[in-house]
């Protein structure tokens, strides 16, 4: 994970349980998102039509960007599923070609807003989004009343050019924004107040609301073993949510699937997507071990705070063989074991040993074959020279 000083590129998406965005190093720094507390991580899907190759994805500026004066990932606990962020589209995180992006489904899909570095904020319920290009001489600010699906511009009167530095929504629950800016012509700083109280029609009614559930998979609407239905404002509704608004409508537990299981401590996924021992010995192995011993984990565990029931059940305890890295057949995963419990962090030790052995054997074979060819070549050449010398002598 990208860390600068005491700042970490790890952001929780407020209002959604188990959803986080992080930047980590994989040949270069890239962004990833999880919807189930880090068990599975996925690249951020770029907006449709903005990537020409499969290596391209969306990357977002994380918390470490604050030291550079850039905006970071923004979400609010009552603005369910809404995210504003600054980032770039490409193969890795970059401050080149920055742009503003928004999501309305908790980070599963993204919309492109505009090119440039922006400052932004939103009301607590997300009914108004407000942004301006940072440190750029302009007379315009931008706002959205439909969860970022479209944006409108608002210009200052006259020819007053300002450089916007920051935007905040205050106080909580209001529709007011404060904007801190600098007027370059007279070298003075200003605080502007923007009031959207009269832009919206009033408090939302039942017809202005919708039910929405986050997805763990494009076809599975259960996250952490439960389906949570949120009440939120429809994107095209011209209203705001009242102070007594509570986003969670209903929670229903789901049957267990592969998304509810993960590999336990000291275990990792192999190429068959099964959890295998990745430590030298089982962490519960007693001293002077002989034969088999009882263990409380054979590689699988339910994700913390997962509430699923029934469905896919994997072995969690049993017996283990004292031989390093082996287990009796009775505890091997069943045939219906998950096909993907997450992304493996690397090769197991057994796999590394096999690769090293094959590499050494291959190298020795190359050396032997090369020696044989060279010896045969010099022997043939030496025979040729002896034959030539004999002919010369006879003459």
Foldseek 3Di string as FASTA:
>chain_A
DDDDDPDAQKADAAQAPQWIKHWDDDVATFIWIARANPQAIHFQAAAPPPDDDPLKGKGFDGPVCVVVLADAWDHANQQPFKIKTKFDIDNHTDPPFIFIWMTRQNRNHIDTAGTATKAWDAARNRQKIWMDHAQDWDQWIWMARQRRPHIDIDGDPDRFTWGWRYKDDDDHPAQKIWTWIARVVVGDIDIDIDHCPPVAPEADDPVQKDWDAHANDPVHRAHLQKTWIFIGGHRPHRYGHDPPDDTTDDIGGAADDLQFKHWDPQWWQDPQRFTFGQDQAPPPADPPDAAKDWDQAPTMDTRPPRDHDHDDDADGIDMAGRHTRDGDPVRGTDPRHDSHSYDTPDHGPVVVVVVVVVVVVVVVVVVVVVVVVVVVVVVVVVVVVVVVVVVVVVD
